[in-house]
Amino acid sequence: LTESCMQFLLYEKMKKGFLNKKEGMGAERRLSSGEYLAAAGASKAVASVLTYPHEVVRTRMREAAGGRYKGMFQSIKLIAKEEGRKGLYGGLGPHLMRVVPNTAIMFMTYELLSLHVAPLIEDGTVQRAISKAVDSMRPEHLLGSAALGLSALKLAAQSHGQVARLAL
């Protein structure tokens, strides 16, 4: 099982658990932002902890291609024997600090946008707003934007050329 598969499975189970708990209390059958954050963060943390040794082994096999690490299970056994749990879980803390907040925010944002923006898409509100914006554009606005973009590219190319000359 990959980390992502495990994460999604756990996330959906946790959301259902939160909803069932709310239903039992007679509360509204909708999750709060905090509950989405908690479900996403916890599911990512658990999935990461369970699959982290696989990531460690993949990294070592990639870095030492053709070396001591021949296959997944052989490598896990070798690292566990020589380094113990620290070898299989080294760097997990910083990894969790990076991926858990990112995932929690991303999933919560997705859920809230799905809840609030999807109805606007379905009833045509978004399409009408896009059409109105496109209809109000004039060719000179588009040409001005294109010219600005080309000027920025030219400036970047010139500065890149100066950096390249300095490096020589």
N, C-alpha and C. Protein backbone atom coordinates (compact mmCIF):
# COMPACT_ATOMS: atom_id res chain seq x y z
N LEU A 1 0.83 -1.20 0.00
CA LEU A 1 0.00 0.00 0.00
C LEU A 1 0.86 1.24 0.00
N THR A 2 0.51 2.19 -0.80
CA THR A 2 1.27 3.42 -0.80
C THR A 2 0.77 4.35 0.30
N GLU A 3 1.59 5.32 0.62
CA GLU A 3 1.21 6.29 1.65
C GLU A 3 -0.07 7.02 1.27
N SER A 4 -0.20 7.42 0.04
CA SER A 4 -1.39 8.16 -0.38
C SER A 4 -2.66 7.34 -0.25
N CYS A 5 -2.60 6.08 -0.67
CA CYS A 5 -3.78 5.21 -0.56
C CYS A 5 -4.19 5.07 0.90
N MET A 6 -3.21 4.82 1.75
CA MET A 6 -3.48 4.66 3.17
C MET A 6 -4.05 5.96 3.75
N GLN A 7 -3.47 7.07 3.35
CA GLN A 7 -3.91 8.37 3.84
C GLN A 7 -5.37 8.63 3.48
N PHE A 8 -5.74 8.40 2.22
CA PHE A 8 -7.12 8.64 1.80
C PHE A 8 -8.09 7.71 2.51
N LEU A 9 -7.71 6.45 2.67
CA LEU A 9 -8.56 5.50 3.38
C LEU A 9 -8.80 5.96 4.82
N LEU A 10 -7.74 6.33 5.51
CA LEU A 10 -7.85 6.80 6.89
C LEU A 10 -8.65 8.10 6.97
N TYR A 11 -8.42 9.00 6.04
CA TYR A 11 -9.13 10.28 6.02
C TYR A 11 -10.64 10.08 5.92
N GLU A 12 -11.05 9.23 4.98
CA GLU A 12 -12.48 8.99 4.80
C GLU A 12 -13.08 8.31 6.04
N LYS A 13 -12.34 7.37 6.64
CA LYS A 13 -12.82 6.71 7.87
C LYS A 13 -12.96 7.72 9.00
N MET A 14 -12.00 8.63 9.14
CA MET A 14 -12.06 9.63 10.20
C MET A 14 -13.22 10.61 9.99
N LYS A 15 -13.44 11.00 8.75
CA LYS A 15 -14.57 11.89 8.46
C LYS A 15 -15.88 11.20 8.84
N LYS A 16 -16.01 9.93 8.47
CA LYS A 16 -17.23 9.18 8.82
C LYS A 16 -17.38 9.07 10.33
N GLY A 17 -16.26 8.85 11.02
CA GLY A 17 -16.30 8.77 12.48
C GLY A 17 -16.78 10.08 13.10
N PHE A 18 -16.27 11.19 12.61
CA PHE A 18 -16.71 12.50 13.11
C PHE A 18 -18.21 12.71 12.84
N LEU A 19 -18.64 12.34 11.63
CA LEU A 19 -20.06 12.51 11.28
C LEU A 19 -20.95 11.62 12.14
N ASN A 20 -20.54 10.38 12.36
CA ASN A 20 -21.33 9.47 13.20
C ASN A 20 -21.43 9.98 14.63
N LYS A 21 -20.33 10.53 15.14
CA LYS A 21 -20.34 11.08 16.49
C LYS A 21 -21.31 12.26 16.58
N LYS A 22 -21.29 13.13 15.56
CA LYS A 22 -22.19 14.29 15.54
C LYS A 22 -23.65 13.83 15.46
N GLU A 23 -23.88 12.82 14.64
CA GLU A 23 -25.24 12.31 14.47
C GLU A 23 -25.78 11.76 15.79
N GLY A 24 -24.93 11.09 16.53
CA GLY A 24 -25.32 10.54 17.83
C GLY A 24 -25.64 11.63 18.85
N MET A 25 -25.04 12.79 18.66
CA MET A 25 -25.27 13.91 19.59
C MET A 25 -26.42 14.80 19.11
N GLY A 26 -26.98 14.49 17.95
CA GLY A 26 -28.07 15.30 17.41
C GLY A 26 -27.59 16.59 16.78
N ALA A 27 -26.30 16.70 16.51
CA ALA A 27 -25.74 17.93 15.93
C ALA A 27 -25.92 17.93 14.41
N GLU A 28 -25.62 19.08 13.81
CA GLU A 28 -25.71 19.22 12.36
C GLU A 28 -24.77 18.21 11.70
N ARG A 29 -25.21 17.58 10.63
CA ARG A 29 -24.43 16.54 9.96
C ARG A 29 -23.49 17.17 8.93
N ARG A 30 -22.59 18.00 9.42
CA ARG A 30 -21.59 18.64 8.58
C ARG A 30 -20.36 18.89 9.44
N LEU A 31 -19.19 18.65 8.88
CA LEU A 31 -17.96 18.81 9.65
C LEU A 31 -17.51 20.27 9.67
N SER A 32 -16.85 20.62 10.74
CA SER A 32 -16.29 21.97 10.85
C SER A 32 -14.91 21.99 10.19
N SER A 33 -14.38 23.17 10.00
CA SER A 33 -13.02 23.30 9.45
C SER A 33 -12.01 22.57 10.32
N GLY A 34 -12.16 22.69 11.63
CA GLY A 34 -11.26 22.03 12.56
C GLY A 34 -11.31 20.52 12.45
N GLU A 35 -12.50 19.99 12.22
CA GLU A 35 -12.62 18.53 12.07
C GLU A 35 -11.98 18.06 10.77
N TYR A 36 -12.13 18.84 9.71
CA TYR A 36 -11.44 18.50 8.46
C TYR A 36 -9.93 18.55 8.67
N LEU A 37 -9.44 19.59 9.34
CA LEU A 37 -8.01 19.71 9.63
C LEU A 37 -7.52 18.52 10.44
N ALA A 38 -8.26 18.16 11.48
CA ALA A 38 -7.86 17.05 12.35
C ALA A 38 -7.83 15.73 11.59
N ALA A 39 -8.87 15.46 10.81
CA ALA A 39 -8.93 14.21 10.05
C ALA A 39 -7.78 14.13 9.04
N ALA A 40 -7.53 15.22 8.34
CA ALA A 40 -6.47 15.23 7.32
C ALA A 40 -5.10 15.12 7.97
N GLY A 41 -4.86 15.90 9.01
CA GLY A 41 -3.55 15.86 9.67
C GLY A 41 -3.27 14.51 10.30
N ALA A 42 -4.25 13.95 10.99
CA ALA A 42 -4.05 12.65 11.64
C ALA A 42 -3.86 11.55 10.61
N SER A 43 -4.64 11.58 9.54
CA SER A 43 -4.49 10.53 8.52
C SER A 43 -3.12 10.60 7.84
N LYS A 44 -2.64 11.80 7.59
CA LYS A 44 -1.32 11.96 6.98
C LYS A 44 -0.23 11.50 7.94
N ALA A 45 -0.35 11.85 9.22
CA ALA A 45 0.66 11.47 10.20
C ALA A 45 0.73 9.94 10.33
N VAL A 46 -0.40 9.29 10.46
CA VAL A 46 -0.42 7.83 10.61
C VAL A 46 0.13 7.16 9.35
N ALA A 47 -0.33 7.59 8.18
CA ALA A 47 0.16 7.00 6.93
C ALA A 47 1.66 7.20 6.77
N SER A 48 2.15 8.36 7.15
CA SER A 48 3.59 8.64 7.04
C SER A 48 4.40 7.75 7.97
N VAL A 49 3.95 7.60 9.21
CA VAL A 49 4.67 6.77 10.18
C VAL A 49 4.72 5.33 9.70
N LEU A 50 3.60 4.83 9.18
CA LEU A 50 3.55 3.44 8.74
C LEU A 50 4.39 3.16 7.50
N THR A 51 4.54 4.13 6.65
CA THR A 51 5.26 3.90 5.39
C THR A 51 6.66 4.51 5.35
N TYR A 52 7.07 5.16 6.42
CA TYR A 52 8.37 5.86 6.39
C TYR A 52 9.56 4.92 6.15
N PRO A 53 9.60 3.73 6.76
CA PRO A 53 10.72 2.84 6.45
C PRO A 53 10.86 2.55 4.95
N HIS A 54 9.76 2.44 4.27
CA HIS A 54 9.79 2.23 2.82
C HIS A 54 10.49 3.41 2.12
N GLU A 55 10.18 4.62 2.57
CA GLU A 55 10.80 5.82 1.99
C GLU A 55 12.30 5.86 2.26
N VAL A 56 12.69 5.48 3.48
CA VAL A 56 14.11 5.44 3.84
C VAL A 56 14.84 4.46 2.93
N VAL A 57 14.27 3.27 2.76
CA VAL A 57 14.91 2.25 1.93
C VAL A 57 14.98 2.70 0.48
N ARG A 58 13.91 3.26 -0.03
CA ARG A 58 13.94 3.76 -1.42
C ARG A 58 15.06 4.77 -1.62
N THR A 59 15.20 5.68 -0.66
CA THR A 59 16.25 6.70 -0.76
C THR A 59 17.62 6.06 -0.75
N ARG A 60 17.83 5.13 0.17
CA ARG A 60 19.15 4.48 0.26
C ARG A 60 19.45 3.66 -0.98
N MET A 61 18.46 2.97 -1.49
CA MET A 61 18.68 2.17 -2.70
C MET A 61 19.03 3.06 -3.89
N ARG A 62 18.39 4.20 -3.95
CA ARG A 62 18.66 5.14 -5.05
C ARG A 62 20.06 5.73 -4.93
N GLU A 63 20.46 6.08 -3.70
CA GLU A 63 21.77 6.70 -3.49
C GLU A 63 22.92 5.71 -3.63
N ALA A 64 22.67 4.45 -3.28
CA ALA A 64 23.72 3.44 -3.34
C ALA A 64 23.39 2.39 -4.39
N ALA A 65 23.04 2.85 -5.58
CA ALA A 65 22.65 1.93 -6.65
C ALA A 65 23.76 0.90 -6.89
N GLY A 66 23.36 -0.37 -6.88
CA GLY A 66 24.32 -1.44 -7.11
C GLY A 66 25.16 -1.77 -5.89
N GLY A 67 24.86 -1.17 -4.76
CA GLY A 67 25.64 -1.38 -3.54
C GLY A 67 25.06 -2.45 -2.64
N ARG A 68 25.03 -2.14 -1.36
CA ARG A 68 24.61 -3.10 -0.33
C ARG A 68 23.12 -3.39 -0.36
N TYR A 69 22.34 -2.48 -0.87
CA TYR A 69 20.89 -2.62 -0.81
C TYR A 69 20.38 -3.23 -2.11
N LYS A 70 19.96 -4.50 -2.02
CA LYS A 70 19.57 -5.25 -3.22
C LYS A 70 18.07 -5.20 -3.49
N GLY A 71 17.27 -5.23 -2.46
CA GLY A 71 15.82 -5.24 -2.61
C GLY A 71 15.17 -4.64 -1.38
N MET A 72 13.86 -4.45 -1.44
CA MET A 72 13.16 -3.77 -0.36
C MET A 72 13.29 -4.53 0.97
N PHE A 73 12.90 -5.80 0.97
CA PHE A 73 12.89 -6.55 2.23
C PHE A 73 14.31 -6.80 2.75
N GLN A 74 15.23 -7.08 1.86
CA GLN A 74 16.63 -7.28 2.27
C GLN A 74 17.17 -6.01 2.89
N SER A 75 16.82 -4.87 2.31
CA SER A 75 17.31 -3.58 2.79
C SER A 75 16.71 -3.23 4.16
N ILE A 76 15.42 -3.49 4.32
CA ILE A 76 14.79 -3.22 5.61
C ILE A 76 15.45 -4.05 6.70
N LYS A 77 15.67 -5.32 6.42
CA LYS A 77 16.31 -6.22 7.40
C LYS A 77 17.72 -5.73 7.73
N LEU A 78 18.47 -5.34 6.71
CA LEU A 78 19.85 -4.89 6.90
C LEU A 78 19.89 -3.61 7.75
N ILE A 79 19.06 -2.65 7.42
CA ILE A 79 19.05 -1.39 8.17
C ILE A 79 18.59 -1.63 9.60
N ALA A 80 17.55 -2.45 9.78
CA ALA A 80 17.05 -2.75 11.13
C ALA A 80 18.12 -3.45 11.95
N LYS A 81 18.85 -4.37 11.34
CA LYS A 81 19.90 -5.12 12.05
C LYS A 81 21.06 -4.22 12.44
N GLU A 82 21.50 -3.38 11.52
CA GLU A 82 22.69 -2.56 11.75
C GLU A 82 22.39 -1.26 12.52
N GLU A 83 21.22 -0.67 12.31
CA GLU A 83 20.94 0.64 12.88
C GLU A 83 19.72 0.68 13.80
N GLY A 84 18.92 -0.36 13.77
CA GLY A 84 17.72 -0.41 14.60
C GLY A 84 16.64 0.53 14.07
N ARG A 85 15.71 0.83 14.96
CA ARG A 85 14.58 1.71 14.57
C ARG A 85 15.05 3.08 14.13
N LYS A 86 16.12 3.57 14.74
CA LYS A 86 16.62 4.91 14.36
C LYS A 86 16.97 4.95 12.88
N GLY A 87 17.51 3.86 12.36
CA GLY A 87 17.85 3.82 10.95
C GLY A 87 16.64 3.86 10.05
N LEU A 88 15.56 3.22 10.48
CA LEU A 88 14.35 3.17 9.67
C LEU A 88 13.47 4.41 9.82
N TYR A 89 13.62 5.10 10.96
CA TYR A 89 12.76 6.25 11.23
C TYR A 89 13.53 7.56 11.39
N GLY A 90 14.81 7.57 11.07
CA GLY A 90 15.60 8.80 11.17
C GLY A 90 15.06 9.87 10.24
N GLY A 91 14.83 11.06 10.76
CA GLY A 91 14.32 12.17 9.95
C GLY A 91 12.80 12.24 9.89
N LEU A 92 12.12 11.33 10.61
CA LEU A 92 10.66 11.32 10.57
C LEU A 92 10.06 12.60 11.16
N GLY A 93 10.63 13.09 12.25
CA GLY A 93 10.09 14.29 12.89
C GLY A 93 10.03 15.49 11.95
N PRO A 94 11.15 15.87 11.34
CA PRO A 94 11.11 16.99 10.39
C PRO A 94 10.18 16.72 9.20
N HIS A 95 10.15 15.46 8.76
CA HIS A 95 9.26 15.10 7.65
C HIS A 95 7.80 15.36 8.03
N LEU A 96 7.41 14.91 9.24
CA LEU A 96 6.03 15.13 9.69
C LEU A 96 5.72 16.61 9.86
N MET A 97 6.68 17.37 10.34
CA MET A 97 6.47 18.81 10.53
C MET A 97 6.24 19.52 9.19
N ARG A 98 6.77 18.95 8.14
CA ARG A 98 6.61 19.54 6.81
C ARG A 98 5.31 19.08 6.14
N VAL A 99 5.03 17.78 6.17
CA VAL A 99 3.92 17.26 5.38
C VAL A 99 2.56 17.32 6.06
N VAL A 100 2.51 17.18 7.38
CA VAL A 100 1.20 17.14 8.06
C VAL A 100 0.47 18.48 7.95
N PRO A 101 1.07 19.62 8.29
CA PRO A 101 0.33 20.88 8.14
C PRO A 101 -0.07 21.16 6.68
N ASN A 102 0.82 20.86 5.76
CA ASN A 102 0.53 21.08 4.34
C ASN A 102 -0.69 20.27 3.91
N THR A 103 -0.72 19.00 4.27
CA THR A 103 -1.83 18.14 3.89
C THR A 103 -3.11 18.56 4.58
N ALA A 104 -3.03 18.89 5.85
CA ALA A 104 -4.23 19.29 6.59
C ALA A 104 -4.87 20.53 5.96
N ILE A 105 -4.05 21.51 5.63
CA ILE A 105 -4.57 22.74 5.02
C ILE A 105 -5.13 22.47 3.61
N MET A 106 -4.42 21.65 2.85
CA MET A 106 -4.86 21.35 1.49
C MET A 106 -6.21 20.62 1.51
N PHE A 107 -6.35 19.61 2.35
CA PHE A 107 -7.60 18.86 2.40
C PHE A 107 -8.75 19.72 2.92
N MET A 108 -8.50 20.52 3.96
CA MET A 108 -9.55 21.39 4.48
C MET A 108 -10.00 22.38 3.40
N THR A 109 -9.05 22.95 2.70
CA THR A 109 -9.37 23.90 1.63
C THR A 109 -10.21 23.23 0.55
N TYR A 110 -9.80 22.03 0.16
CA TYR A 110 -10.57 21.28 -0.85
C TYR A 110 -12.00 21.06 -0.37
N GLU A 111 -12.17 20.60 0.86
CA GLU A 111 -13.50 20.31 1.40
C GLU A 111 -14.36 21.57 1.44
N LEU A 112 -13.78 22.67 1.91
CA LEU A 112 -14.56 23.91 2.01
C LEU A 112 -14.90 24.49 0.64
N LEU A 113 -13.95 24.42 -0.30
CA LEU A 113 -14.25 24.88 -1.65
C LEU A 113 -15.32 24.01 -2.29
N SER A 114 -15.23 22.70 -2.08
CA SER A 114 -16.25 21.79 -2.63
C SER A 114 -17.62 22.13 -2.07
N LEU A 115 -17.65 22.45 -0.80
CA LEU A 115 -18.91 22.75 -0.14
C LEU A 115 -19.51 24.07 -0.61
N HIS A 116 -18.67 25.09 -0.81
CA HIS A 116 -19.18 26.43 -1.10
C HIS A 116 -19.11 26.83 -2.58
N VAL A 117 -18.14 26.31 -3.31
CA VAL A 117 -17.99 26.73 -4.71
C VAL A 117 -18.74 25.80 -5.66
N ALA A 118 -18.80 24.51 -5.34
CA ALA A 118 -19.49 23.56 -6.23
C ALA A 118 -20.92 24.00 -6.56
N PRO A 119 -21.70 24.45 -5.58
CA PRO A 119 -23.06 24.90 -5.94
C PRO A 119 -23.06 26.08 -6.92
N LEU A 120 -22.06 26.95 -6.80
CA LEU A 120 -21.99 28.10 -7.71
C LEU A 120 -21.63 27.65 -9.13
N ILE A 121 -20.84 26.61 -9.23
CA ILE A 121 -20.50 26.07 -10.55
C ILE A 121 -21.72 25.39 -11.15
N GLU A 122 -22.40 24.60 -10.32
CA GLU A 122 -23.55 23.84 -10.80
C GLU A 122 -24.71 24.74 -11.24
N ASP A 123 -24.92 25.84 -10.57
CA ASP A 123 -26.05 26.71 -10.95
C ASP A 123 -25.68 27.73 -12.03
N GLY A 124 -24.43 27.70 -12.50
CA GLY A 124 -24.03 28.56 -13.61
C GLY A 124 -23.49 29.92 -13.20
N THR A 125 -23.44 30.22 -11.91
CA THR A 125 -22.96 31.52 -11.44
C THR A 125 -21.51 31.77 -11.87
N VAL A 126 -20.66 30.77 -11.72
CA VAL A 126 -19.24 30.92 -12.08
C VAL A 126 -19.10 31.13 -13.59
N GLN A 127 -19.82 30.35 -14.38
CA GLN A 127 -19.75 30.48 -15.83
C GLN A 127 -20.20 31.87 -16.29
N ARG A 128 -21.25 32.38 -15.67
CA ARG A 128 -21.72 33.73 -16.03
C ARG A 128 -20.68 34.78 -15.67
N ALA A 129 -20.03 34.63 -14.53
CA ALA A 129 -19.01 35.60 -14.12
C ALA A 129 -17.81 35.55 -15.07
N ILE A 130 -17.41 34.37 -15.47
CA ILE A 130 -16.29 34.24 -16.41
C ILE A 130 -16.66 34.85 -17.76
N SER A 131 -17.85 34.54 -18.23
CA SER A 131 -18.30 35.10 -19.52
C SER A 131 -18.34 36.62 -19.47
N LYS A 132 -18.83 37.16 -18.38
CA LYS A 132 -18.90 38.62 -18.23
C LYS A 132 -17.50 39.23 -18.26
N ALA A 133 -16.56 38.59 -17.55
CA ALA A 133 -15.18 39.10 -17.53
C ALA A 133 -14.55 39.04 -18.91
N VAL A 134 -14.76 37.94 -19.62
CA VAL A 134 -14.20 37.79 -20.96
C VAL A 134 -14.83 38.80 -21.91
N ASP A 135 -16.14 38.98 -21.81
CA ASP A 135 -16.84 39.94 -22.69
C ASP A 135 -16.37 41.37 -22.47
N SER A 136 -15.96 41.69 -21.24
CA SER A 136 -15.56 43.06 -20.95
C SER A 136 -14.10 43.35 -21.35
N MET A 137 -13.35 42.32 -21.72
CA MET A 137 -11.95 42.53 -22.13
C MET A 137 -11.92 43.17 -23.51
N ARG A 138 -10.96 44.06 -23.66
CA ARG A 138 -10.75 44.70 -24.95
C ARG A 138 -9.40 44.27 -25.49
N PRO A 139 -9.26 44.24 -26.80
CA PRO A 139 -7.99 43.79 -27.39
C PRO A 139 -6.77 44.53 -26.86
N GLU A 140 -6.92 45.84 -26.60
CA GLU A 140 -5.75 46.60 -26.12
C GLU A 140 -5.32 46.12 -24.73
N HIS A 141 -6.25 45.61 -23.91
CA HIS A 141 -5.86 45.06 -22.61
C HIS A 141 -5.01 43.81 -22.80
N LEU A 142 -5.44 42.96 -23.74
CA LEU A 142 -4.70 41.73 -24.00
C LEU A 142 -3.32 42.03 -24.58
N LEU A 143 -3.26 43.00 -25.50
CA LEU A 143 -1.98 43.36 -26.10
C LEU A 143 -1.05 43.96 -25.05
N GLY A 144 -1.60 44.78 -24.17
CA GLY A 144 -0.79 45.38 -23.11
C GLY A 144 -0.22 44.31 -22.19
N SER A 145 -1.02 43.31 -21.85
CA SER A 145 -0.55 42.21 -21.00
C SER A 145 0.54 41.42 -21.70
N ALA A 146 0.33 41.17 -23.00
CA ALA A 146 1.34 40.42 -23.76
C ALA A 146 2.64 41.20 -23.84
N ALA A 147 2.55 42.51 -24.09
CA ALA A 147 3.76 43.34 -24.18
C ALA A 147 4.50 43.36 -22.84
N LEU A 148 3.76 43.45 -21.75
CA LEU A 148 4.37 43.45 -20.43
C LEU A 148 5.09 42.12 -20.18
N GLY A 149 4.45 41.03 -20.57
CA GLY A 149 5.07 39.71 -20.42
C GLY A 149 6.34 39.58 -21.24
N LEU A 150 6.31 40.08 -22.46
CA LEU A 150 7.50 40.02 -23.31
C LEU A 150 8.62 40.90 -22.76
N SER A 151 8.27 42.06 -22.22
CA SER A 151 9.28 42.93 -21.60
C SER A 151 9.94 42.24 -20.42
N ALA A 152 9.14 41.55 -19.62
CA ALA A 152 9.69 40.84 -18.46
C ALA A 152 10.62 39.72 -18.91
N LEU A 153 10.23 38.99 -19.96
CA LEU A 153 11.09 37.92 -20.49
C LEU A 153 12.41 38.49 -21.03
N LYS A 154 12.33 39.62 -21.73
CA LYS A 154 13.53 40.25 -22.29
C LYS A 154 14.47 40.68 -21.17
N LEU A 155 13.92 41.29 -20.12
CA LEU A 155 14.70 41.72 -18.98
C LEU A 155 15.37 40.53 -18.29
N ALA A 156 14.60 39.45 -18.12
CA ALA A 156 15.15 38.25 -17.48
C ALA A 156 16.28 37.67 -18.32
N ALA A 157 16.10 37.63 -19.63
CA ALA A 157 17.13 37.09 -20.52
C ALA A 157 18.39 37.94 -20.46
N GLN A 158 18.22 39.27 -20.41
CA GLN A 158 19.37 40.16 -20.34
C GLN A 158 20.12 39.96 -19.03
N SER A 159 19.40 39.88 -17.93
CA SER A 159 20.07 39.71 -16.64
C SER A 159 20.72 38.34 -16.56
N HIS A 160 20.11 37.33 -17.18
CA HIS A 160 20.71 35.99 -17.20
C HIS A 160 22.01 36.03 -17.98
N GLY A 161 22.02 36.76 -19.09
CA GLY A 161 23.24 36.88 -19.88
C GLY A 161 24.35 37.56 -19.09
N GLN A 162 24.01 38.59 -18.28
CA GLN A 162 25.01 39.27 -17.46
C GLN A 162 25.56 38.33 -16.40
N VAL A 163 24.70 37.51 -15.81
CA VAL A 163 25.14 36.55 -14.79
C VAL A 163 26.07 35.53 -15.44
N ALA A 164 25.71 35.08 -16.65
CA ALA A 164 26.53 34.10 -17.33
C ALA A 164 27.91 34.70 -17.65
N ARG A 165 27.96 35.98 -18.06
CA ARG A 165 29.25 36.62 -18.36
C ARG A 165 30.07 36.76 -17.11
N LEU A 166 29.45 37.08 -15.97
CA LEU A 166 30.20 37.21 -14.72
C LEU A 166 30.79 35.87 -14.28
N ALA A 167 30.08 34.78 -14.57
CA ALA A 167 30.55 33.46 -14.16
C ALA A 167 31.78 33.05 -14.96
N LEU A 168 31.91 33.56 -16.17
CA LEU A 168 33.06 33.20 -17.01
C LEU A 168 34.27 33.95 -16.50
